[in-house]
Amino acid sequence: MNNFLEIINLSKTYESVEKINILNNINFRLPDNVLVALTGPSGSGKSTLLHILSLLDSKVDGEYHLNGKRLDISSQKEKNRYRRDNISILFQNFNLINDLNAIENVILPLLNNNNFEYDFCYNKGKELLSKFNLSKRTNYFPSQLSGGEQQRVAIARALINEPQLILADEPTGNLDNENSIIVINYLKELKKENRTIIFATHNRDLVNKCDLELTIKNRTVIST
């Protein structure tokens, strides 16, 4: 089985008054088409690792290979373009734009690509919102949505550009059990479309639905 994602000797240190080592000498390999749970105690570095994998934090030591491309030595312009075309990250605080309604938030990544007509983007966004039981919230603004609804809009937005790598920080944290199952089942379907999905979670029921588990403890990955 070919490696889709490979991390070699990755370390992350924050420098302020003193150096703080967050991640130390992490190594792991993942194939494509897998759903991966990233686990570990609060403050163990899960969010930091997701930011590194999403190319939002490049001040790290070590190698990052994704789909045959070594990203850690790429220019910032190359990283930005690669992230736009191949990676989506779902933030814990949603990062929805308050002045845009639900469907406008969802289709924004497609509109920014400049390769798609508005009608195509709108129809694709509408279909995706329907999959997350949000077809009646298309024109609602974030302030008019519940926390769980905002989270599902953010998830739909992360999936709209059909990324190869999907990263999520507690994607079901604000959802009830019914909608958590909808989200995880949809992610499981996505992995069949040549996608690798990594999400941080404390929910063991969700971990049990995954193909693999990466656990961070004492600043390194200790199990897969």
N, C-alpha and C. Protein backbone atom coordinates (compact mmCIF):
# COMPACT_ATOMS: atom_id res chain seq x y z
N MET A 1 0.85 -1.20 0.00
CA MET A 1 0.00 0.00 0.00
C MET A 1 0.89 1.25 0.00
N ASN A 2 0.62 2.16 -0.94
CA ASN A 2 1.43 3.36 -1.06
C ASN A 2 1.13 4.34 0.08
N ASN A 3 2.17 5.08 0.49
CA ASN A 3 1.99 6.11 1.50
C ASN A 3 1.43 7.36 0.84
N PHE A 4 0.32 7.85 1.37
CA PHE A 4 -0.24 9.11 0.90
C PHE A 4 0.34 10.27 1.69
N LEU A 5 0.50 10.07 2.99
CA LEU A 5 1.03 11.11 3.87
C LEU A 5 2.13 10.50 4.72
N GLU A 6 3.26 11.20 4.79
CA GLU A 6 4.37 10.72 5.60
C GLU A 6 5.01 11.87 6.35
N ILE A 7 5.16 11.69 7.65
CA ILE A 7 5.82 12.65 8.52
C ILE A 7 7.10 12.02 9.07
N ILE A 8 8.22 12.73 8.92
CA ILE A 8 9.52 12.19 9.32
C ILE A 8 10.20 13.15 10.30
N ASN A 9 10.43 12.67 11.51
CA ASN A 9 11.19 13.42 12.53
C ASN A 9 10.67 14.84 12.72
N LEU A 10 9.37 14.99 12.82
CA LEU A 10 8.77 16.31 12.94
C LEU A 10 8.78 16.78 14.39
N SER A 11 9.24 18.01 14.60
CA SER A 11 9.23 18.63 15.93
C SER A 11 8.75 20.07 15.81
N LYS A 12 8.08 20.54 16.85
CA LYS A 12 7.60 21.91 16.88
C LYS A 12 7.94 22.53 18.22
N THR A 13 8.64 23.67 18.19
CA THR A 13 9.03 24.37 19.40
C THR A 13 8.58 25.82 19.32
N TYR A 14 7.90 26.29 20.36
CA TYR A 14 7.53 27.70 20.46
C TYR A 14 8.62 28.42 21.25
N GLU A 15 8.98 29.60 20.77
CA GLU A 15 10.01 30.38 21.46
C GLU A 15 9.41 31.67 21.99
N SER A 16 9.41 31.85 23.28
CA SER A 16 8.99 33.10 23.90
C SER A 16 10.07 33.49 24.89
N VAL A 17 9.76 33.53 26.16
CA VAL A 17 10.80 33.76 27.17
C VAL A 17 11.74 32.55 27.21
N GLU A 18 11.15 31.39 27.02
CA GLU A 18 11.92 30.17 26.95
C GLU A 18 11.37 29.28 25.85
N LYS A 19 12.14 28.31 25.42
CA LYS A 19 11.69 27.39 24.39
C LYS A 19 10.75 26.35 24.98
N ILE A 20 9.62 26.16 24.30
CA ILE A 20 8.64 25.17 24.75
C ILE A 20 8.45 24.15 23.63
N ASN A 21 8.84 22.92 23.88
CA ASN A 21 8.73 21.86 22.89
C ASN A 21 7.32 21.27 22.93
N ILE A 22 6.55 21.46 21.84
CA ILE A 22 5.16 20.99 21.79
C ILE A 22 5.09 19.58 21.20
N LEU A 23 5.79 19.36 20.11
CA LEU A 23 5.84 18.06 19.45
C LEU A 23 7.30 17.67 19.27
N ASN A 24 7.61 16.41 19.47
CA ASN A 24 9.01 16.00 19.44
C ASN A 24 9.20 14.70 18.65
N ASN A 25 9.92 14.82 17.54
CA ASN A 25 10.36 13.64 16.78
C ASN A 25 9.19 12.72 16.41
N ILE A 26 8.18 13.31 15.77
CA ILE A 26 7.00 12.53 15.36
C ILE A 26 7.25 11.86 14.01
N ASN A 27 6.88 10.59 13.92
CA ASN A 27 7.00 9.83 12.68
C ASN A 27 5.73 9.00 12.48
N PHE A 28 5.12 9.11 11.32
CA PHE A 28 4.02 8.20 10.97
C PHE A 28 3.77 8.26 9.47
N ARG A 29 3.13 7.21 8.97
CA ARG A 29 2.76 7.11 7.56
C ARG A 29 1.30 6.72 7.47
N LEU A 30 0.59 7.31 6.48
CA LEU A 30 -0.81 6.98 6.27
C LEU A 30 -1.06 6.70 4.79
N PRO A 31 -1.87 5.69 4.49
CA PRO A 31 -2.30 5.48 3.11
C PRO A 31 -3.43 6.44 2.78
N ASP A 32 -3.90 6.41 1.53
CA ASP A 32 -5.09 7.19 1.21
C ASP A 32 -6.32 6.36 1.52
N ASN A 33 -7.47 6.98 1.40
CA ASN A 33 -8.76 6.32 1.63
C ASN A 33 -8.91 5.80 3.06
N VAL A 34 -8.47 6.56 4.06
CA VAL A 34 -8.63 6.13 5.44
C VAL A 34 -9.23 7.25 6.28
N LEU A 35 -9.95 6.84 7.31
CA LEU A 35 -10.50 7.76 8.31
C LEU A 35 -9.69 7.56 9.58
N VAL A 36 -9.02 8.62 10.02
CA VAL A 36 -8.05 8.53 11.10
C VAL A 36 -8.47 9.39 12.28
N ALA A 37 -8.50 8.80 13.46
CA ALA A 37 -8.77 9.55 14.69
C ALA A 37 -7.45 9.98 15.31
N LEU A 38 -7.34 11.26 15.65
CA LEU A 38 -6.18 11.80 16.33
C LEU A 38 -6.57 12.03 17.78
N THR A 39 -5.98 11.28 18.69
CA THR A 39 -6.38 11.33 20.09
C THR A 39 -5.21 11.74 20.98
N GLY A 40 -5.53 12.04 22.22
CA GLY A 40 -4.53 12.43 23.20
C GLY A 40 -5.14 13.38 24.20
N PRO A 41 -4.51 13.57 25.34
CA PRO A 41 -5.04 14.48 26.36
C PRO A 41 -5.14 15.91 25.85
N SER A 42 -5.98 16.70 26.48
CA SER A 42 -6.06 18.12 26.16
C SER A 42 -4.69 18.76 26.34
N GLY A 43 -4.28 19.58 25.38
CA GLY A 43 -2.97 20.22 25.45
C GLY A 43 -1.83 19.36 24.98
N SER A 44 -2.11 18.19 24.41
CA SER A 44 -1.04 17.29 23.99
C SER A 44 -0.42 17.68 22.66
N GLY A 45 -1.09 18.55 21.91
CA GLY A 45 -0.53 18.98 20.63
C GLY A 45 -1.35 18.56 19.42
N LYS A 46 -2.57 18.09 19.63
CA LYS A 46 -3.41 17.65 18.51
C LYS A 46 -3.70 18.80 17.55
N SER A 47 -4.14 19.93 18.09
CA SER A 47 -4.46 21.08 17.23
C SER A 47 -3.22 21.59 16.53
N THR A 48 -2.09 21.59 17.24
CA THR A 48 -0.83 22.02 16.63
C THR A 48 -0.47 21.14 15.44
N LEU A 49 -0.61 19.82 15.59
CA LEU A 49 -0.29 18.91 14.50
C LEU A 49 -1.23 19.14 13.32
N LEU A 50 -2.51 19.37 13.57
CA LEU A 50 -3.45 19.63 12.49
C LEU A 50 -3.09 20.91 11.73
N HIS A 51 -2.65 21.93 12.45
CA HIS A 51 -2.24 23.18 11.80
C HIS A 51 -1.00 22.96 10.93
N ILE A 52 -0.10 22.13 11.39
CA ILE A 52 1.09 21.82 10.60
C ILE A 52 0.71 21.06 9.34
N LEU A 53 -0.16 20.07 9.49
CA LEU A 53 -0.58 19.28 8.33
C LEU A 53 -1.37 20.11 7.33
N SER A 54 -2.03 21.16 7.81
CA SER A 54 -2.81 22.02 6.91
C SER A 54 -1.95 23.13 6.30
N LEU A 55 -0.67 23.14 6.60
CA LEU A 55 0.28 24.13 6.08
C LEU A 55 0.02 25.53 6.61
N LEU A 56 -0.67 25.64 7.73
CA LEU A 56 -0.89 26.93 8.36
C LEU A 56 0.23 27.28 9.33
N ASP A 57 1.08 26.31 9.63
CA ASP A 57 2.23 26.53 10.51
C ASP A 57 3.43 25.84 9.87
N SER A 58 4.34 26.62 9.33
CA SER A 58 5.48 26.05 8.62
C SER A 58 6.79 26.16 9.39
N LYS A 59 6.74 26.74 10.61
CA LYS A 59 7.96 26.88 11.40
C LYS A 59 8.18 25.62 12.23
N VAL A 60 8.56 24.56 11.53
CA VAL A 60 8.76 23.27 12.18
C VAL A 60 10.04 22.63 11.66
N ASP A 61 10.52 21.66 12.40
CA ASP A 61 11.63 20.83 11.95
C ASP A 61 11.09 19.49 11.48
N GLY A 62 11.73 18.90 10.47
CA GLY A 62 11.31 17.61 9.98
C GLY A 62 10.74 17.68 8.58
N GLU A 63 10.31 16.54 8.06
CA GLU A 63 9.82 16.43 6.69
C GLU A 63 8.33 16.14 6.66
N TYR A 64 7.67 16.74 5.65
CA TYR A 64 6.24 16.53 5.43
C TYR A 64 6.04 16.19 3.96
N HIS A 65 5.66 14.95 3.71
CA HIS A 65 5.40 14.47 2.35
C HIS A 65 3.91 14.20 2.20
N LEU A 66 3.31 14.74 1.14
CA LEU A 66 1.89 14.51 0.88
C LEU A 66 1.69 14.20 -0.59
N ASN A 67 1.17 13.00 -0.85
CA ASN A 67 0.87 12.56 -2.21
C ASN A 67 2.09 12.71 -3.13
N GLY A 68 3.26 12.34 -2.61
CA GLY A 68 4.47 12.35 -3.40
C GLY A 68 5.19 13.68 -3.46
N LYS A 69 4.65 14.72 -2.81
CA LYS A 69 5.28 16.04 -2.84
C LYS A 69 5.82 16.37 -1.45
N ARG A 70 7.06 16.82 -1.39
CA ARG A 70 7.63 17.24 -0.11
C ARG A 70 7.27 18.71 0.12
N LEU A 71 6.41 18.94 1.09
CA LEU A 71 5.85 20.27 1.29
C LEU A 71 6.67 21.16 2.20
N ASP A 72 7.44 20.58 3.11
CA ASP A 72 8.16 21.41 4.08
C ASP A 72 9.23 22.28 3.42
N ILE A 73 9.69 21.90 2.24
CA ILE A 73 10.71 22.70 1.55
C ILE A 73 10.12 23.51 0.40
N SER A 74 8.80 23.48 0.25
CA SER A 74 8.15 24.27 -0.80
C SER A 74 8.11 25.74 -0.40
N SER A 75 8.00 26.62 -1.39
CA SER A 75 7.87 28.04 -1.10
C SER A 75 6.50 28.32 -0.49
N GLN A 76 6.35 29.47 0.16
CA GLN A 76 5.07 29.81 0.76
C GLN A 76 3.99 29.91 -0.31
N LYS A 77 4.32 30.43 -1.46
CA LYS A 77 3.35 30.52 -2.55
C LYS A 77 2.88 29.14 -2.98
N GLU A 78 3.81 28.20 -3.09
CA GLU A 78 3.46 26.83 -3.45
C GLU A 78 2.60 26.18 -2.38
N LYS A 79 2.92 26.44 -1.12
CA LYS A 79 2.13 25.88 -0.03
C LYS A 79 0.71 26.42 -0.05
N ASN A 80 0.56 27.72 -0.28
CA ASN A 80 -0.77 28.32 -0.31
C ASN A 80 -1.61 27.72 -1.44
N ARG A 81 -1.00 27.57 -2.60
CA ARG A 81 -1.72 27.01 -3.74
C ARG A 81 -2.07 25.54 -3.49
N TYR A 82 -1.13 24.80 -2.90
CA TYR A 82 -1.37 23.39 -2.65
C TYR A 82 -2.48 23.20 -1.62
N ARG A 83 -2.47 24.03 -0.58
CA ARG A 83 -3.52 23.96 0.43
C ARG A 83 -4.88 24.28 -0.18
N ARG A 84 -4.95 25.31 -1.01
CA ARG A 84 -6.22 25.69 -1.63
C ARG A 84 -6.81 24.56 -2.47
N ASP A 85 -5.95 23.85 -3.19
CA ASP A 85 -6.43 22.84 -4.13
C ASP A 85 -6.57 21.45 -3.54
N ASN A 86 -5.91 21.18 -2.41
CA ASN A 86 -5.84 19.79 -1.95
C ASN A 86 -6.18 19.54 -0.48
N ILE A 87 -6.24 20.59 0.34
CA ILE A 87 -6.40 20.40 1.77
C ILE A 87 -7.54 21.28 2.29
N SER A 88 -8.36 20.71 3.16
CA SER A 88 -9.36 21.50 3.88
C SER A 88 -9.20 21.25 5.37
N ILE A 89 -9.38 22.31 6.16
CA ILE A 89 -9.32 22.18 7.61
C ILE A 89 -10.59 22.76 8.21
N LEU A 90 -11.15 22.03 9.14
CA LEU A 90 -12.32 22.48 9.87
C LEU A 90 -11.87 22.95 11.24
N PHE A 91 -12.01 24.25 11.49
CA PHE A 91 -11.54 24.83 12.74
C PHE A 91 -12.54 24.59 13.87
N GLN A 92 -12.03 24.56 15.08
CA GLN A 92 -12.86 24.29 16.25
C GLN A 92 -13.88 25.41 16.48
N ASN A 93 -13.53 26.65 16.09
CA ASN A 93 -14.44 27.78 16.31
C ASN A 93 -15.20 28.17 15.05
N PHE A 94 -15.21 27.28 14.05
CA PHE A 94 -16.00 27.37 12.82
C PHE A 94 -15.46 28.38 11.81
N ASN A 95 -15.12 29.62 12.25
CA ASN A 95 -14.61 30.66 11.35
C ASN A 95 -15.57 30.99 10.21
N LEU A 96 -16.88 30.97 10.50
CA LEU A 96 -17.84 31.41 9.50
C LEU A 96 -17.82 32.93 9.38
N ILE A 97 -18.16 33.43 8.20
CA ILE A 97 -18.20 34.87 7.96
C ILE A 97 -19.60 35.37 8.26
N ASN A 98 -19.72 36.26 9.23
CA ASN A 98 -21.02 36.68 9.74
C ASN A 98 -21.88 37.37 8.70
N ASP A 99 -21.26 38.05 7.72
CA ASP A 99 -22.02 38.80 6.73
C ASP A 99 -22.48 37.94 5.56
N LEU A 100 -22.12 36.66 5.56
CA LEU A 100 -22.56 35.75 4.50
C LEU A 100 -23.54 34.74 5.08
N ASN A 101 -24.54 34.37 4.29
CA ASN A 101 -25.48 33.36 4.76
C ASN A 101 -24.87 31.97 4.63
N ALA A 102 -25.62 30.95 5.01
CA ALA A 102 -25.07 29.59 5.09
C ALA A 102 -24.49 29.13 3.76
N ILE A 103 -25.27 29.26 2.70
CA ILE A 103 -24.77 28.74 1.42
C ILE A 103 -23.62 29.57 0.88
N GLU A 104 -23.62 30.87 1.14
CA GLU A 104 -22.50 31.72 0.71
C GLU A 104 -21.22 31.33 1.44
N ASN A 105 -21.33 31.00 2.73
CA ASN A 105 -20.16 30.52 3.47
C ASN A 105 -19.65 29.21 2.88
N VAL A 106 -20.56 28.32 2.54
CA VAL A 106 -20.17 27.00 2.05
C VAL A 106 -19.46 27.08 0.71
N ILE A 107 -19.96 27.91 -0.20
CA ILE A 107 -19.41 27.91 -1.56
C ILE A 107 -18.24 28.88 -1.74
N LEU A 108 -17.90 29.61 -0.69
CA LEU A 108 -16.83 30.60 -0.81
C LEU A 108 -15.52 30.01 -1.34
N PRO A 109 -15.07 28.83 -0.86
CA PRO A 109 -13.82 28.28 -1.42
C PRO A 109 -13.89 28.03 -2.93
N LEU A 110 -15.05 27.62 -3.43
CA LEU A 110 -15.20 27.40 -4.87
C LEU A 110 -15.18 28.72 -5.63
N LEU A 111 -15.84 29.73 -5.09
CA LEU A 111 -15.88 31.04 -5.75
C LEU A 111 -14.49 31.65 -5.81
N ASN A 112 -13.69 31.43 -4.77
CA ASN A 112 -12.33 31.97 -4.74
C ASN A 112 -11.41 31.28 -5.74
N ASN A 113 -11.82 30.11 -6.22
CA ASN A 113 -11.00 29.35 -7.16
C ASN A 113 -11.04 29.96 -8.56
N ASN A 114 -12.11 30.69 -8.88
CA ASN A 114 -12.28 31.36 -10.18
C ASN A 114 -12.47 30.41 -11.36
N ASN A 115 -12.59 29.11 -11.10
CA ASN A 115 -12.74 28.15 -12.20
C ASN A 115 -14.18 27.67 -12.36
N PHE A 116 -15.09 28.19 -11.55
CA PHE A 116 -16.45 27.66 -11.55
C PHE A 116 -17.48 28.78 -11.68
N GLU A 117 -18.55 28.50 -12.41
CA GLU A 117 -19.66 29.43 -12.52
C GLU A 117 -20.46 29.44 -11.22
N TYR A 118 -21.10 30.57 -10.94
CA TYR A 118 -21.82 30.72 -9.68
C TYR A 118 -22.92 29.67 -9.54
N ASP A 119 -23.67 29.42 -10.63
CA ASP A 119 -24.77 28.46 -10.56
C ASP A 119 -24.27 27.07 -10.18
N PHE A 120 -23.12 26.68 -10.71
CA PHE A 120 -22.53 25.38 -10.36
C PHE A 120 -22.20 25.34 -8.87
N CYS A 121 -21.58 26.40 -8.38
CA CYS A 121 -21.20 26.48 -6.97
C CYS A 121 -22.44 26.44 -6.08
N TYR A 122 -23.46 27.20 -6.46
CA TYR A 122 -24.68 27.27 -5.65
C TYR A 122 -25.35 25.90 -5.57
N ASN A 123 -25.49 25.23 -6.69
CA ASN A 123 -26.16 23.93 -6.71
C ASN A 123 -25.38 22.89 -5.91
N LYS A 124 -24.06 22.96 -6.01
CA LYS A 124 -23.23 22.01 -5.26
C LYS A 124 -23.34 22.29 -3.76
N GLY A 125 -23.34 23.57 -3.38
CA GLY A 125 -23.49 23.93 -1.98
C GLY A 125 -24.84 23.53 -1.43
N LYS A 126 -25.89 23.71 -2.23
CA LYS A 126 -27.24 23.35 -1.80
C LYS A 126 -27.35 21.84 -1.57
N GLU A 127 -26.73 21.07 -2.45
CA GLU A 127 -26.75 19.61 -2.31
C GLU A 127 -26.01 19.18 -1.03
N LEU A 128 -24.89 19.83 -0.77
CA LEU A 128 -24.10 19.48 0.40
C LEU A 128 -24.82 19.85 1.70
N LEU A 129 -25.44 21.01 1.73
CA LEU A 129 -26.20 21.41 2.91
C LEU A 129 -27.34 20.44 3.18
N SER A 130 -27.95 19.93 2.11
CA SER A 130 -29.03 18.97 2.26
C SER A 130 -28.55 17.69 2.93
N LYS A 131 -27.32 17.27 2.62
CA LYS A 131 -26.77 16.05 3.21
C LYS A 131 -26.61 16.18 4.71
N PHE A 132 -26.47 17.42 5.19
CA PHE A 132 -26.30 17.66 6.62
C PHE A 132 -27.57 18.22 7.26
N ASN A 133 -28.72 17.93 6.64
CA ASN A 133 -30.02 18.34 7.18
C ASN A 133 -30.13 19.86 7.35
N LEU A 134 -29.58 20.61 6.40
CA LEU A 134 -29.60 22.07 6.50
C LEU A 134 -30.27 22.72 5.28
N SER A 135 -31.07 21.96 4.56
CA SER A 135 -31.69 22.51 3.35
C SER A 135 -32.63 23.68 3.66
N LYS A 136 -33.16 23.73 4.88
CA LYS A 136 -34.06 24.83 5.27
C LYS A 136 -33.30 26.00 5.89
N ARG A 137 -31.98 25.91 5.93
CA ARG A 137 -31.18 26.98 6.54
C ARG A 137 -30.27 27.67 5.50
N THR A 138 -30.53 27.44 4.24
CA THR A 138 -29.68 27.95 3.16
C THR A 138 -29.41 29.45 3.27
N ASN A 139 -30.46 30.22 3.55
CA ASN A 139 -30.32 31.68 3.56
C ASN A 139 -30.19 32.27 4.96
N TYR A 140 -29.96 31.42 5.95
CA TYR A 140 -29.77 31.90 7.31
C TYR A 140 -28.33 32.37 7.50
N PHE A 141 -28.17 33.44 8.27
CA PHE A 141 -26.84 33.94 8.61
C PHE A 141 -26.35 33.22 9.87
N PRO A 142 -25.03 33.19 10.10
CA PRO A 142 -24.51 32.49 11.28
C PRO A 142 -25.18 32.85 12.58
N SER A 143 -25.53 34.13 12.76
CA SER A 143 -26.17 34.56 14.01
C SER A 143 -27.57 33.97 14.17
N GLN A 144 -28.14 33.47 13.08
CA GLN A 144 -29.47 32.88 13.13
C GLN A 144 -29.43 31.35 13.27
N LEU A 145 -28.24 30.80 13.34
CA LEU A 145 -28.06 29.36 13.42
C LEU A 145 -27.63 28.94 14.81
N SER A 146 -28.02 27.75 15.23
CA SER A 146 -27.54 27.21 16.49
C SER A 146 -26.07 26.83 16.35
N GLY A 147 -25.42 26.55 17.48
CA GLY A 147 -24.01 26.14 17.42
C GLY A 147 -23.80 24.90 16.58
N GLY A 148 -24.70 23.92 16.73
CA GLY A 148 -24.59 22.70 15.95
C GLY A 148 -24.79 22.94 14.47
N GLU A 149 -25.72 23.83 14.12
CA GLU A 149 -25.96 24.17 12.71
C GLU A 149 -24.76 24.90 12.12
N GLN A 150 -24.17 25.82 12.90
CA GLN A 150 -22.97 26.50 12.43
C GLN A 150 -21.85 25.50 12.16
N GLN A 151 -21.73 24.51 13.03
CA GLN A 151 -20.69 23.52 12.87
C GLN A 151 -20.89 22.71 11.59
N ARG A 152 -22.14 22.34 11.30
CA ARG A 152 -22.42 21.58 10.09
C ARG A 152 -22.18 22.42 8.83
N VAL A 153 -22.47 23.72 8.89
CA VAL A 153 -22.16 24.61 7.77
C VAL A 153 -20.65 24.65 7.54
N ALA A 154 -19.91 24.75 8.64
CA ALA A 154 -18.44 24.78 8.53
C ALA A 154 -17.90 23.47 7.94
N ILE A 155 -18.51 22.35 8.32
CA ILE A 155 -18.10 21.06 7.78
C ILE A 155 -18.38 21.01 6.28
N ALA A 156 -19.56 21.47 5.88
CA ALA A 156 -19.90 21.49 4.46
C ALA A 156 -18.92 22.35 3.68
N ARG A 157 -18.56 23.50 4.24
CA ARG A 157 -17.59 24.38 3.57
C ARG A 157 -16.23 23.69 3.41
N ALA A 158 -15.82 22.92 4.43
CA ALA A 158 -14.52 22.24 4.35
C ALA A 158 -14.51 21.15 3.28
N LEU A 159 -15.70 20.68 2.90
CA LEU A 159 -15.78 19.57 1.95
C LEU A 159 -16.09 20.02 0.52
N ILE A 160 -16.47 21.28 0.33
CA ILE A 160 -17.02 21.74 -0.94
C ILE A 160 -16.04 21.62 -2.10
N ASN A 161 -14.74 21.78 -1.84
CA ASN A 161 -13.76 21.74 -2.93
C ASN A 161 -13.15 20.35 -3.13
N GLU A 162 -13.77 19.34 -2.51
CA GLU A 162 -13.36 17.94 -2.67
C GLU A 162 -11.86 17.75 -2.45
N PRO A 163 -11.37 18.13 -1.28
CA PRO A 163 -9.92 18.04 -1.00
C PRO A 163 -9.46 16.60 -0.87
N GLN A 164 -8.16 16.39 -1.15
CA GLN A 164 -7.57 15.07 -0.95
C GLN A 164 -7.39 14.77 0.54
N LEU A 165 -7.04 15.80 1.30
CA LEU A 165 -6.80 15.65 2.73
C LEU A 165 -7.76 16.55 3.49
N ILE A 166 -8.53 15.96 4.39
CA ILE A 166 -9.47 16.71 5.21
C ILE A 166 -9.02 16.60 6.67
N LEU A 167 -8.88 17.76 7.32
CA LEU A 167 -8.43 17.82 8.70
C LEU A 167 -9.50 18.50 9.53
N ALA A 168 -9.77 17.97 10.70
CA ALA A 168 -10.84 18.55 11.51
C ALA A 168 -10.49 18.47 12.99
N ASP A 169 -10.77 19.56 13.70
CA ASP A 169 -10.51 19.65 15.13
C ASP A 169 -11.83 19.51 15.87
N GLU A 170 -12.08 18.34 16.46
CA GLU A 170 -13.33 18.05 17.16
C GLU A 170 -14.55 18.39 16.29
N PRO A 171 -14.70 17.72 15.12
CA PRO A 171 -15.77 18.10 14.19
C PRO A 171 -17.18 17.84 14.69
N THR A 172 -17.33 17.03 15.73
CA THR A 172 -18.68 16.77 16.26
C THR A 172 -18.84 17.31 17.68
N GLY A 173 -17.94 18.19 18.08
CA GLY A 173 -17.92 18.66 19.46
C GLY A 173 -19.20 19.33 19.91
N ASN A 174 -19.91 20.03 19.01
CA ASN A 174 -21.13 20.75 19.38
C ASN A 174 -22.38 20.08 18.83
N LEU A 175 -22.26 18.84 18.37
CA LEU A 175 -23.39 18.17 17.75
C LEU A 175 -24.01 17.14 18.69
N ASP A 176 -25.32 16.94 18.53
CA ASP A 176 -25.97 15.86 19.27
C ASP A 176 -25.61 14.53 18.61
N ASN A 177 -26.02 13.44 19.24
CA ASN A 177 -25.61 12.12 18.77
C ASN A 177 -26.08 11.85 17.35
N GLU A 178 -27.31 12.25 17.03
CA GLU A 178 -27.86 12.00 15.68
C GLU A 178 -27.03 12.67 14.60
N ASN A 179 -26.73 13.95 14.81
CA ASN A 179 -25.96 14.68 13.79
C ASN A 179 -24.49 14.29 13.79
N SER A 180 -23.97 13.85 14.93
CA SER A 180 -22.59 13.33 14.96
C SER A 180 -22.47 12.10 14.07
N ILE A 181 -23.47 11.23 14.14
CA ILE A 181 -23.46 10.03 13.32
C ILE A 181 -23.56 10.39 11.84
N ILE A 182 -24.39 11.40 11.50
CA ILE A 182 -24.51 11.85 10.11
C ILE A 182 -23.16 12.32 9.59
N VAL A 183 -22.46 13.13 10.39
CA VAL A 183 -21.17 13.66 9.98
C VAL A 183 -20.14 12.54 9.79
N ILE A 184 -20.03 11.65 10.77
CA ILE A 184 -19.03 10.59 10.68
C ILE A 184 -19.34 9.64 9.52
N ASN A 185 -20.61 9.31 9.33
CA ASN A 185 -20.97 8.43 8.22
C ASN A 185 -20.65 9.08 6.88
N TYR A 186 -20.84 10.40 6.78
CA TYR A 186 -20.50 11.08 5.54
C TYR A 186 -18.99 11.10 5.32
N LEU A 187 -18.23 11.29 6.38
CA LEU A 187 -16.78 11.25 6.26
C LEU A 187 -16.32 9.86 5.83
N LYS A 188 -16.97 8.82 6.34
CA LYS A 188 -16.63 7.46 5.96
C LYS A 188 -16.91 7.22 4.47
N GLU A 189 -17.97 7.84 3.96
CA GLU A 189 -18.26 7.72 2.53
C GLU A 189 -17.21 8.45 1.71
N LEU A 190 -16.77 9.61 2.21
CA LEU A 190 -15.79 10.40 1.47
C LEU A 190 -14.46 9.67 1.30
N LYS A 191 -14.08 8.86 2.27
CA LYS A 191 -12.79 8.18 2.18
C LYS A 191 -12.76 7.22 0.99
N LYS A 192 -13.94 6.81 0.52
CA LYS A 192 -14.01 5.92 -0.63
C LYS A 192 -13.68 6.66 -1.93
N GLU A 193 -13.64 7.98 -1.86
CA GLU A 193 -13.38 8.80 -3.04
C GLU A 193 -11.94 9.31 -3.04
N ASN A 194 -11.02 8.43 -2.64
CA ASN A 194 -9.59 8.76 -2.62
C ASN A 194 -9.29 9.95 -1.72
N ARG A 195 -9.86 9.93 -0.51
CA ARG A 195 -9.59 10.99 0.45
C ARG A 195 -9.09 10.40 1.75
N THR A 196 -8.19 11.13 2.38
CA THR A 196 -7.73 10.77 3.72
C THR A 196 -8.24 11.82 4.68
N ILE A 197 -8.85 11.38 5.76
CA ILE A 197 -9.48 12.29 6.72
C ILE A 197 -8.87 12.06 8.10
N ILE A 198 -8.39 13.12 8.72
CA ILE A 198 -7.82 13.05 10.06
C ILE A 198 -8.60 14.02 10.95
N PHE A 199 -9.14 13.52 12.05
CA PHE A 199 -9.85 14.44 12.94
C PHE A 199 -9.49 14.17 14.39
N ALA A 200 -9.31 15.27 15.12
CA ALA A 200 -9.02 15.18 16.55
C ALA A 200 -10.32 14.96 17.30
N THR A 201 -10.29 14.07 18.28
CA THR A 201 -11.50 13.80 19.05
C THR A 201 -11.16 13.19 20.40
N HIS A 202 -12.08 13.37 21.35
CA HIS A 202 -12.02 12.68 22.63
C HIS A 202 -13.10 11.61 22.73
N ASN A 203 -13.91 11.51 21.68
CA ASN A 203 -15.07 10.62 21.70
C ASN A 203 -14.68 9.22 21.27
N ARG A 204 -14.66 8.28 22.21
CA ARG A 204 -14.24 6.92 21.90
C ARG A 204 -15.21 6.22 20.95
N ASP A 205 -16.48 6.58 20.99
CA ASP A 205 -17.43 5.97 20.05
C ASP A 205 -17.06 6.32 18.61
N LEU A 206 -16.60 7.55 18.40
CA LEU A 206 -16.18 7.96 17.06
C LEU A 206 -14.86 7.31 16.68
N VAL A 207 -13.96 7.20 17.64
CA VAL A 207 -12.67 6.54 17.38
C VAL A 207 -12.89 5.12 16.87
N ASN A 208 -13.86 4.45 17.46
CA ASN A 208 -14.13 3.06 17.10
C ASN A 208 -14.67 2.91 15.68
N LYS A 209 -15.14 4.01 15.08
CA LYS A 209 -15.64 3.97 13.71
C LYS A 209 -14.54 4.24 12.69
N CYS A 210 -13.33 4.52 13.17
CA CYS A 210 -12.23 4.90 12.28
C CYS A 210 -11.39 3.68 11.87
N ASP A 211 -10.63 3.87 10.82
CA ASP A 211 -9.72 2.81 10.35
C ASP A 211 -8.45 2.76 11.16
N LEU A 212 -7.97 3.94 11.58
CA LEU A 212 -6.70 4.03 12.29
C LEU A 212 -6.82 5.06 13.41
N GLU A 213 -5.94 4.92 14.39
CA GLU A 213 -5.87 5.89 15.48
C GLU A 213 -4.42 6.33 15.67
N LEU A 214 -4.21 7.63 15.70
CA LEU A 214 -2.92 8.21 16.06
C LEU A 214 -3.09 8.82 17.45
N THR A 215 -2.23 8.46 18.36
CA THR A 215 -2.32 8.99 19.72
C THR A 215 -1.07 9.78 20.05
N ILE A 216 -1.27 11.01 20.52
CA ILE A 216 -0.14 11.84 20.94
C ILE A 216 -0.03 11.79 22.46
N LYS A 217 1.14 11.42 22.95
CA LYS A 217 1.40 11.42 24.37
C LYS A 217 2.88 11.73 24.58
N ASN A 218 3.15 12.56 25.58
CA ASN A 218 4.54 13.00 25.85
C ASN A 218 5.19 13.57 24.60
N ARG A 219 4.37 14.37 23.85
CA ARG A 219 4.84 15.16 22.72
C ARG A 219 5.17 14.33 21.47
N THR A 220 4.83 13.06 21.44
CA THR A 220 5.11 12.28 20.25
C THR A 220 3.97 11.31 19.98
N VAL A 221 3.91 10.75 18.78
CA VAL A 221 2.91 9.77 18.45
C VAL A 221 3.36 8.43 18.99
N ILE A 222 2.51 7.82 19.83
CA ILE A 222 2.93 6.58 20.47
C ILE A 222 2.22 5.36 19.91
N SER A 223 1.15 5.56 19.16
CA SER A 223 0.47 4.39 18.60
C SER A 223 -0.28 4.75 17.34
N THR A 224 -0.49 3.73 16.50
CA THR A 224 -1.27 3.92 15.28
C THR A 224 -2.17 2.71 15.10
